[in-house]
Protein backbone atom coordinates (compact mmCIF):
# COMPACT_ATOMS: atom_id res chain seq x y z
CA UNK A 1 1.76 -38.23 -20.02
CA UNK A 2 2.10 -35.28 -17.66
CA UNK A 3 4.16 -35.09 -14.64
CA UNK A 4 1.36 -35.51 -12.19
CA UNK A 5 0.17 -38.58 -14.04
CA UNK A 6 3.60 -40.22 -13.99
CA UNK A 7 3.58 -39.45 -9.95
CA UNK A 8 0.09 -40.89 -9.68
CA UNK A 9 0.83 -44.16 -11.55
CA UNK A 10 4.21 -44.49 -9.59
CA UNK A 11 2.06 -44.05 -6.42
CA UNK A 12 -0.49 -46.57 -7.57
CA UNK A 13 2.17 -49.24 -8.51
CA UNK A 14 4.26 -48.77 -5.48
CA UNK A 15 1.50 -48.70 -3.07
CA UNK A 16 -0.28 -52.04 -4.40
CA UNK A 17 3.31 -53.50 -4.83
CA UNK A 18 3.99 -52.97 -1.39
CA UNK A 19 0.78 -54.33 -0.19
CA UNK A 20 1.60 -57.29 -2.44
CA UNK A 21 4.89 -57.66 -0.99
CA UNK A 22 3.71 -57.98 2.57
CA UNK A 23 1.13 -60.47 1.62
CA UNK A 24 3.79 -62.53 0.04
CA UNK A 25 6.22 -62.33 3.08
CA UNK A 26 3.56 -63.16 5.68
CA UNK A 27 2.10 -66.07 3.82
CA UNK A 28 5.17 -67.60 1.87
CA UNK A 29 7.80 -66.81 4.67
CA UNK A 30 6.05 -66.46 7.99
CA UNK A 31 3.21 -68.83 7.67
CA UNK A 32 5.04 -71.15 5.03
CA UNK A 33 3.88 -74.13 7.05
CA UNK A 34 0.47 -73.74 5.55
CA UNK A 35 1.59 -73.91 1.87
CA UNK A 36 4.16 -76.81 2.63
CA UNK A 37 1.09 -78.68 3.59
CA UNK A 38 -1.24 -77.97 0.84
CA UNK A 39 1.02 -76.64 -2.05
CA UNK A 40 -0.65 -73.95 -4.29
CA UNK A 41 2.39 -71.32 -4.31
CA UNK A 42 1.94 -70.88 -8.04
CA UNK A 43 -1.85 -70.33 -7.86
CA UNK A 44 -1.41 -68.08 -4.79
CA UNK A 45 0.94 -65.68 -6.68
CA UNK A 46 -1.26 -65.71 -9.71
CA UNK A 47 -4.36 -64.88 -7.83
CA UNK A 48 -2.58 -62.10 -5.78
CA UNK A 49 -1.52 -60.48 -9.02
CA UNK A 50 -4.96 -60.53 -10.45
CA UNK A 51 -6.06 -58.75 -7.15
CA UNK A 52 -3.52 -56.19 -7.22
CA UNK A 53 -4.28 -55.59 -10.77
CA UNK A 54 -7.89 -55.34 -9.99
CA UNK A 55 -7.25 -53.02 -7.24
CA UNK A 56 -5.26 -50.78 -9.61
CA UNK A 57 -8.10 -50.87 -12.07
CA UNK A 58 -10.94 -50.29 -9.44
CA UNK A 59 -9.42 -47.45 -7.56
CA UNK A 60 -8.18 -45.75 -11.00
CA UNK A 61 -12.16 -45.76 -11.82
CA UNK A 62 -12.89 -44.17 -8.68
CA UNK A 63 -10.35 -41.50 -9.24
CA UNK A 64 -11.68 -40.93 -12.79
CA UNK A 65 -15.07 -40.46 -11.56
CA UNK A 66 -14.03 -38.03 -8.65
CA UNK A 67 -11.97 -35.93 -11.12
CA UNK A 68 -15.03 -35.98 -13.64
CA UNK A 69 -17.11 -34.39 -10.86
CA UNK A 70 -14.54 -31.97 -9.70
CA UNK A 71 -14.77 -33.29 -6.23
CA UNK A 72 -12.52 -30.61 -4.74
CA UNK A 73 -14.88 -27.89 -5.08
CA UNK A 74 -17.31 -29.84 -2.91
CA UNK A 75 -18.19 -29.23 0.74
CA UNK A 76 -16.85 -30.96 3.68
CA UNK A 77 -20.25 -32.76 4.12
CA UNK A 78 -20.57 -33.82 0.72
CA UNK A 79 -16.90 -34.86 0.56
CA UNK A 80 -17.72 -37.33 3.05
CA UNK A 81 -21.15 -38.54 1.43
CA UNK A 82 -18.73 -39.28 -1.53
CA UNK A 83 -16.18 -40.97 0.61
CA UNK A 84 -18.72 -43.48 1.96
CA UNK A 85 -20.39 -43.93 -1.42
CA UNK A 86 -16.95 -44.31 -3.23
CA UNK A 87 -15.55 -46.51 -0.85
CA UNK A 88 -18.43 -48.69 -0.71
CA UNK A 89 -19.05 -49.13 -4.49
CA UNK A 90 -15.05 -49.59 -5.16
CA UNK A 91 -14.79 -52.45 -2.51
CA UNK A 92 -17.77 -54.29 -3.68
CA UNK A 93 -16.25 -54.00 -7.36
CA UNK A 94 -12.95 -55.00 -6.16
CA UNK A 95 -14.27 -58.14 -4.19
CA UNK A 96 -16.69 -59.27 -6.56
CA UNK A 97 -14.97 -58.13 -9.88
CA UNK A 98 -11.65 -59.46 -8.96
CA UNK A 99 -13.23 -62.84 -7.67
CA UNK A 100 -14.99 -63.33 -11.02
CA UNK A 101 -11.97 -62.71 -12.99
CA UNK A 102 -9.58 -64.92 -10.96
CA UNK A 103 -12.13 -67.65 -10.97
CA UNK A 104 -12.40 -67.37 -14.80
CA UNK A 105 -8.71 -68.43 -15.02
CA UNK A 106 -7.14 -71.89 -14.48
CA UNK A 107 -5.02 -70.63 -11.81
CA UNK A 108 -7.66 -69.52 -9.09
CA UNK A 109 -5.97 -70.08 -5.60
CA UNK A 110 -9.60 -69.97 -3.97
CA UNK A 111 -10.69 -72.84 -6.32
CA UNK A 112 -7.61 -74.69 -5.52
CA UNK A 113 -8.11 -74.34 -1.81
CA UNK A 114 -11.67 -75.46 -2.26
CA UNK A 115 -10.55 -78.41 -4.02
CA UNK A 116 -7.88 -79.21 -1.43
CA UNK A 117 -10.46 -79.02 1.32
CA UNK A 118 -12.88 -81.12 -0.41
CA UNK A 119 -10.30 -83.90 -0.75
CA UNK A 120 -9.44 -83.60 2.91
CA UNK A 121 -13.21 -83.88 3.82
CA UNK A 122 -13.45 -86.78 1.69
CA UNK A 123 -10.53 -88.30 3.44
CA UNK A 124 -11.77 -87.63 6.82
CA UNK A 125 -15.35 -89.15 5.87
CA UNK A 126 -13.63 -92.06 4.59
CA UNK A 127 -11.32 -92.56 7.48
CA UNK A 128 -14.27 -92.23 9.93
CA UNK A 129 -16.19 -95.24 7.82
CA UNK A 130 -19.01 -92.78 6.96
CA UNK A 131 -18.35 -92.76 3.21
CA UNK A 132 -20.44 -96.11 2.77
CA UNK A 133 -23.25 -94.84 5.41
CA UNK A 134 -26.12 -92.46 3.97
CA UNK A 135 -25.57 -90.31 7.39
CA UNK A 136 -26.79 -87.41 5.38
CA UNK A 137 -30.23 -88.44 5.16
CA UNK A 138 -32.73 -88.93 7.92
CA UNK A 139 -31.51 -92.21 9.42
CA UNK A 140 -31.25 -93.82 12.81
CA UNK A 141 -27.83 -94.58 12.11
CA UNK A 142 -26.38 -91.38 13.34
CA UNK A 143 -25.00 -91.65 16.79
CA UNK A 144 -23.31 -89.10 18.96
CA UNK A 145 -19.85 -90.05 17.59
CA UNK A 146 -20.96 -89.81 14.06
CA UNK A 147 -22.68 -86.23 14.64
CA UNK A 148 -19.35 -85.19 16.19
CA UNK A 149 -17.14 -86.24 13.15
CA UNK A 150 -19.59 -84.92 10.90
CA UNK A 151 -19.47 -81.49 12.46
CA UNK A 152 -15.71 -81.42 12.74
CA UNK A 153 -15.34 -82.05 9.03
CA UNK A 154 -17.76 -79.30 8.20
CA UNK A 155 -16.08 -77.11 10.68
CA UNK A 156 -12.47 -77.87 9.40
CA UNK A 157 -13.14 -78.04 5.70
CA UNK A 158 -16.29 -76.04 5.13
CA UNK A 159 -17.42 -78.92 3.05
CA UNK A 160 -20.66 -81.03 4.08
CA UNK A 161 -23.02 -83.30 2.19
CA UNK A 162 -26.74 -82.13 1.61
CA UNK A 163 -29.82 -84.28 1.97
CA UNK A 164 -29.31 -85.62 -1.44
CA UNK A 165 -25.39 -86.62 -0.58
CA UNK A 166 -23.90 -83.90 -2.65
CA UNK A 167 -20.92 -81.97 -1.54
CA UNK A 168 -21.54 -78.22 -0.59
CA UNK A 169 -19.26 -75.77 0.50
CA UNK A 170 -19.83 -72.75 2.92
CA UNK A 171 -17.40 -69.89 2.51
CA UNK A 172 -17.63 -67.80 5.50
CA UNK A 173 -14.66 -65.62 4.18
CA UNK A 174 -16.81 -63.64 1.76
CA UNK A 175 -17.99 -61.22 4.49
CA UNK A 176 -14.53 -61.09 5.81
CA UNK A 177 -13.12 -60.32 2.32
CA UNK A 178 -15.63 -57.59 1.85
CA UNK A 179 -14.48 -55.84 5.11
CA UNK A 180 -10.78 -56.04 4.22
CA UNK A 181 -11.49 -54.61 0.79
CA UNK A 182 -13.65 -51.72 2.48
CA UNK A 183 -10.71 -51.09 4.70
CA UNK A 184 -8.11 -51.29 1.99
CA UNK A 185 -9.96 -48.80 -0.33
CA UNK A 186 -10.80 -46.76 2.53
CA UNK A 187 -7.15 -46.12 3.23
CA UNK A 188 -6.47 -45.62 -0.33
CA UNK A 189 -9.17 -42.85 -0.54
CA UNK A 190 -7.97 -41.28 2.79
CA UNK A 191 -4.26 -41.11 1.25
CA UNK A 192 -5.74 -39.42 -2.02
CA UNK A 193 -7.87 -36.91 -0.29
CA UNK A 194 -5.10 -36.05 1.98
CA UNK A 195 -2.71 -35.56 -0.87
CA UNK A 196 -5.07 -33.51 -2.86
CA UNK A 197 -6.13 -31.29 0.04
CA UNK A 198 -2.55 -30.55 1.04
CA UNK A 199 -1.65 -29.90 -2.55
CA UNK A 200 -4.37 -27.63 -3.15
CA UNK A 201 -3.61 -25.70 0.02
CA UNK A 202 0.04 -25.43 -1.30
CA UNK A 203 -1.10 -24.22 -4.60
CA UNK A 204 -3.48 -21.78 -3.06
CA UNK A 205 -0.99 -20.34 -0.88
CA UNK A 206 1.43 -19.99 -3.79
CA UNK A 207 -1.13 -18.25 -5.65
CA UNK A 208 -1.69 -15.86 -2.68
CA UNK A 209 2.05 -15.26 -2.43
CA UNK A 210 2.16 -14.52 -6.23
CA UNK A 211 -0.71 -12.22 -5.98
CA UNK A 212 0.84 -10.47 -2.80
CA UNK A 213 4.05 -10.24 -4.93
CA UNK A 214 2.36 -8.61 -7.85
CA UNK A 215 0.60 -6.19 -5.68
CA UNK A 216 3.73 -5.21 -3.95
CA UNK A 217 5.63 -4.91 -7.25
CA UNK A 218 2.58 -2.54 -8.57
CA UNK A 219 2.74 -0.60 -5.22
CA UNK A 220 6.19 -0.07 -5.59
CA UNK A 221 5.96 0.96 -9.10
CA UNK A 222 3.33 3.52 -8.35
CA UNK A 223 5.27 5.08 -5.30
CA UNK A 224 8.47 5.02 -7.36
CA UNK A 225 6.91 6.71 -10.49
CA UNK A 226 5.33 9.45 -8.47
CA UNK A 227 6.59 12.84 -9.10
CA UNK A 228 4.79 15.85 -7.81
CA UNK A 229 3.04 17.37 -10.67
CA UNK A 230 3.38 20.97 -8.90
CA UNK A 231 7.09 20.65 -8.94
CA UNK A 232 7.05 20.11 -12.64
CA UNK A 233 4.91 22.93 -13.54
CA UNK A 234 6.58 25.26 -10.94
CA UNK A 235 10.15 24.26 -12.68
CA UNK A 236 8.59 24.81 -16.16
CA UNK A 237 7.06 28.29 -15.29
CA UNK A 238 10.48 28.92 -13.60
CA UNK A 239 12.43 27.98 -16.82
CA UNK A 240 10.07 29.89 -18.91
CA UNK A 241 10.83 33.08 -16.86
CA UNK A 242 14.48 32.34 -17.61
CA UNK A 243 14.51 31.82 -21.32
CA UNK A 244 14.60 35.45 -21.89
CA UNK A 245 16.52 36.77 -18.80
CA UNK A 246 19.28 34.22 -18.65
CA UNK A 247 19.06 31.78 -21.50
CA UNK A 248 22.16 29.72 -20.26
CA UNK A 249 20.64 29.22 -16.98
CA UNK A 250 17.21 28.07 -18.66
CA UNK A 251 19.01 25.37 -20.74
CA UNK A 252 21.01 24.26 -17.69
CA UNK A 253 17.61 23.98 -15.77
CA UNK A 254 15.98 22.12 -18.61
CA UNK A 255 18.79 19.62 -18.63
CA UNK A 256 18.36 19.43 -14.68
CA UNK A 257 14.45 18.61 -15.17
CA UNK A 258 15.34 16.17 -17.68
CA UNK A 259 17.57 14.19 -15.48
CA UNK A 260 14.91 13.89 -12.80
CA UNK A 261 12.25 12.98 -15.00
CA UNK A 262 14.58 10.22 -16.72
CA UNK A 263 15.76 8.97 -13.17
CA UNK A 264 11.77 8.77 -12.23
CA UNK A 265 11.19 6.39 -15.35
CA UNK A 266 14.31 4.32 -14.54
CA UNK A 267 13.15 4.05 -10.92
CA UNK A 268 10.40 1.70 -12.00
CA UNK A 269 12.79 -0.85 -13.18
CA UNK A 270 15.78 -0.38 -10.77
CA UNK A 271 15.37 -1.98 -7.28
CA UNK A 272 18.23 0.19 -5.85
CA UNK A 273 20.67 2.84 -6.91
CA UNK A 274 23.86 4.20 -5.48
CA UNK A 275 23.75 7.03 -3.12
CA UNK A 276 25.79 9.09 -5.38
CA UNK A 277 23.38 8.82 -8.19
CA UNK A 278 20.45 9.62 -5.85
CA UNK A 279 22.44 12.66 -4.61
CA UNK A 280 22.92 13.71 -8.26
CA UNK A 281 19.06 13.97 -8.67
CA UNK A 282 18.65 15.67 -5.22
CA UNK A 283 21.18 18.35 -6.55
CA UNK A 284 19.32 18.81 -9.72
CA UNK A 285 16.10 19.06 -7.81
CA UNK A 286 17.39 21.56 -5.28
CA UNK A 287 18.86 23.60 -8.14
CA UNK A 288 15.44 23.73 -9.81
CA UNK A 289 13.82 24.94 -6.49
CA UNK A 290 16.35 27.24 -6.02
CA UNK A 291 15.24 29.09 -9.18
CA UNK A 292 11.98 29.54 -7.49
CA UNK A 293 13.09 30.28 -3.96
CA UNK A 294 16.28 32.14 -4.56
CA UNK A 295 17.72 33.41 -1.26
CA UNK A 296 14.86 31.88 0.66
CA UNK A 297 16.40 28.35 0.11
CA UNK A 298 19.75 27.39 1.69
CA UNK A 299 21.11 24.17 1.28
CA UNK A 300 23.82 22.17 3.55
CA UNK A 301 25.30 18.68 3.00
CA UNK A 302 27.01 16.58 5.09
CA UNK A 303 27.93 13.25 3.16
CA UNK A 304 30.44 10.72 4.39
CA UNK A 305 32.40 9.86 1.06
CA UNK A 306 32.05 6.10 2.26
CA UNK A 307 28.56 6.12 1.91
CA UNK A 308 28.33 7.20 -1.68
CA UNK A 309 28.47 3.43 -3.10
CA UNK A 310 25.65 2.23 -0.62
CA UNK A 311 22.51 1.11 -2.37
CA UNK A 312 19.41 3.08 -1.70
CA UNK A 313 15.77 3.24 -3.01
CA UNK A 314 15.58 5.23 -6.09
CA UNK A 315 13.97 8.76 -5.68
CA UNK A 316 13.34 7.98 -1.94
CA UNK A 317 15.90 10.68 -0.87
CA UNK A 318 14.59 13.16 -3.50
CA UNK A 319 11.03 12.76 -2.10
CA UNK A 320 12.12 13.66 1.35
CA UNK A 321 13.80 16.60 0.24
CA UNK A 322 10.90 17.54 -1.79
CA UNK A 323 8.60 16.98 1.36
CA UNK A 324 10.88 19.28 3.45
CA UNK A 325 10.47 22.29 0.95
CA UNK A 326 6.82 21.58 0.17
CA UNK A 327 5.78 21.49 3.91
CA UNK A 328 8.54 23.41 5.62
CA UNK A 329 10.46 26.09 3.34
CA UNK A 330 7.38 26.91 1.29
CA UNK A 331 5.35 27.82 3.93
CA UNK A 332 7.87 30.22 5.78
CA UNK A 333 8.05 33.89 4.68
CA UNK A 334 11.67 33.99 5.21
CA UNK A 335 12.22 30.45 3.88
CA UNK A 336 15.01 28.30 5.46
CA UNK A 337 17.51 25.60 5.58
CA UNK A 338 17.61 22.19 3.97
CA UNK A 339 20.38 19.82 5.45
CA UNK A 340 21.31 16.48 4.12
CA UNK A 341 23.29 14.27 6.20
CA UNK A 342 24.62 10.65 5.25
CA UNK A 343 26.70 8.61 7.76
CA UNK A 344 27.31 5.03 9.18
CA UNK A 345 25.74 4.18 12.56
CA UNK A 346 27.11 0.68 13.30
CA UNK A 347 25.69 -1.65 10.74
CA UNK A 348 23.33 0.62 9.48
CA UNK A 349 23.35 3.81 6.66
CA UNK A 350 21.64 6.62 8.20
CA UNK A 351 20.38 9.12 5.74
CA UNK A 352 19.07 12.56 7.54
CA UNK A 353 16.99 15.51 5.86
CA UNK A 354 16.48 18.34 8.33
CA UNK A 355 14.51 21.43 7.48
CA UNK A 356 13.50 24.71 8.98
CA UNK A 357 9.73 24.31 10.25
CA UNK A 358 7.48 22.48 12.71
CA UNK A 359 5.40 19.59 12.42
CA UNK A 360 1.68 19.78 12.91
CA UNK A 361 -1.58 18.12 11.76
CA UNK A 362 -1.17 19.14 7.93
CA UNK A 363 2.45 19.25 7.84
CA UNK A 364 5.52 17.36 7.00
CA UNK A 365 4.19 13.97 9.08
CA UNK A 366 1.35 13.69 6.22
CA UNK A 367 1.11 13.31 2.53
CA UNK A 368 2.14 10.90 -0.45
CA UNK A 369 6.00 11.33 0.28
CA UNK A 370 6.03 10.56 3.87
CA UNK A 371 3.62 7.58 3.19
CA UNK A 372 5.50 6.18 -0.05
CA UNK A 373 8.74 6.34 2.07
CA UNK A 374 7.16 3.95 4.86
CA UNK A 375 5.70 1.64 2.34
CA UNK A 376 8.72 1.45 0.25
CA UNK A 377 10.90 0.56 3.28
CA UNK A 378 8.37 -2.04 4.63
CA UNK A 379 8.14 -3.77 1.08
CA UNK A 380 11.95 -3.76 0.49
CA UNK A 381 13.46 -4.47 3.82
CA UNK A 382 10.85 -6.49 5.41
CA UNK A 383 11.08 -4.89 8.96
CA UNK A 384 14.91 -4.25 8.79
CA UNK A 385 14.63 -0.46 7.79
CA UNK A 386 13.05 2.16 9.77
CA UNK A 387 11.79 5.77 9.01
CA UNK A 388 10.84 8.45 11.47
CA UNK A 389 10.14 12.04 11.20
CA UNK A 390 10.16 14.47 14.27
CA UNK A 391 10.87 17.84 15.73
CA UNK A 392 14.33 18.36 16.47
CA UNK A 393 13.49 21.49 18.21
CA UNK A 394 11.42 24.47 18.00
CA UNK A 395 12.72 25.58 14.55
CA UNK A 396 13.84 22.13 12.82
CA UNK A 397 12.14 19.02 11.58
CA UNK A 398 14.08 15.79 10.94
CA UNK A 399 13.30 12.94 8.63
CA UNK A 400 15.52 9.89 9.25
CA UNK A 401 15.78 6.67 7.26
CA UNK A 402 17.72 3.84 8.70
CA UNK A 403 18.77 0.94 6.49
CA UNK A 404 21.03 -2.00 6.59
CA UNK A 405 24.54 -1.69 5.13
CA UNK A 406 25.12 -3.56 2.20
CA UNK A 407 28.55 -5.27 2.11
């Protein structure tokens, strides 16, 4: 039996059990004088047990039918139609089925009460001296007093004699019993509906959260694993040119390119790396770019040593440096300077990448590098990190990342 079935049966037993305890309390404690008069406690308890068992069986049948028809997929209007039909059928089954089963046993409380009232009716008839008079037939013996006594007996006990003198019982509680069962089953069905709609809504929300998490994870992997293919081609071309001229520098360049590619692959798995490791990759990247730009590329670094152990998103700083060279230095005939700054500002770590050049409609503010930085910060820090890029003056652009300090 699954976890949900255990919960379901526990709710069934507790729900009907509490209903039964309430009945017992009011009938055997609050209104116990009635039982003191006519007795029948044992019959009452057995009949109540049969009713509770019938309630569990009938509502379980209702649940089985609902599950078989996959009612959670129904429209709202159809659910209400199912509610009306289901409640009506279950209430009638509970009333007539439970009543038939109870009367088939020798401990029917209803039969006990009927018998008690019959004895009471006979005793009242005898006390009024009507037991020897055929008052039930068409007879002039009926006076106003006799008519009132006969009416009182019928009203108080439900029993009366027909024209043949046979005792007949009028059960006016049948309709009331059906109404009570309709109310009880309606309450059960409403609780069942609300529980499943709330549970379905909760599971749908969890599914959406899992889907969003998966999408974000895929987005991060895509962002982190991105390396500009032009950089790889340019680096390989530069290394090829160095193979004959400067084999030692070519071997070093291959190692630097290998480090960058290895870091790119590790970035897919790592959530963060230390700033020290990120700077090592940036230095390898700048060394490779320096082969291409030579004296056109000048690099400055201002790194607070205390920031080196701070965690940062992998390949993010490298992306900003790459963006500054691609959209800044490479577009200038005389080249320019790339300056990297890392420092604390209150409870935040600030990373600055400044480069010679100016922002324009197709410059540093566009492209995958900038967008990836914005997306990664939003996904990882949920609004607690900021990114901005702007012109510092007429000859310098600054990219700035502000992240909370990790203690």
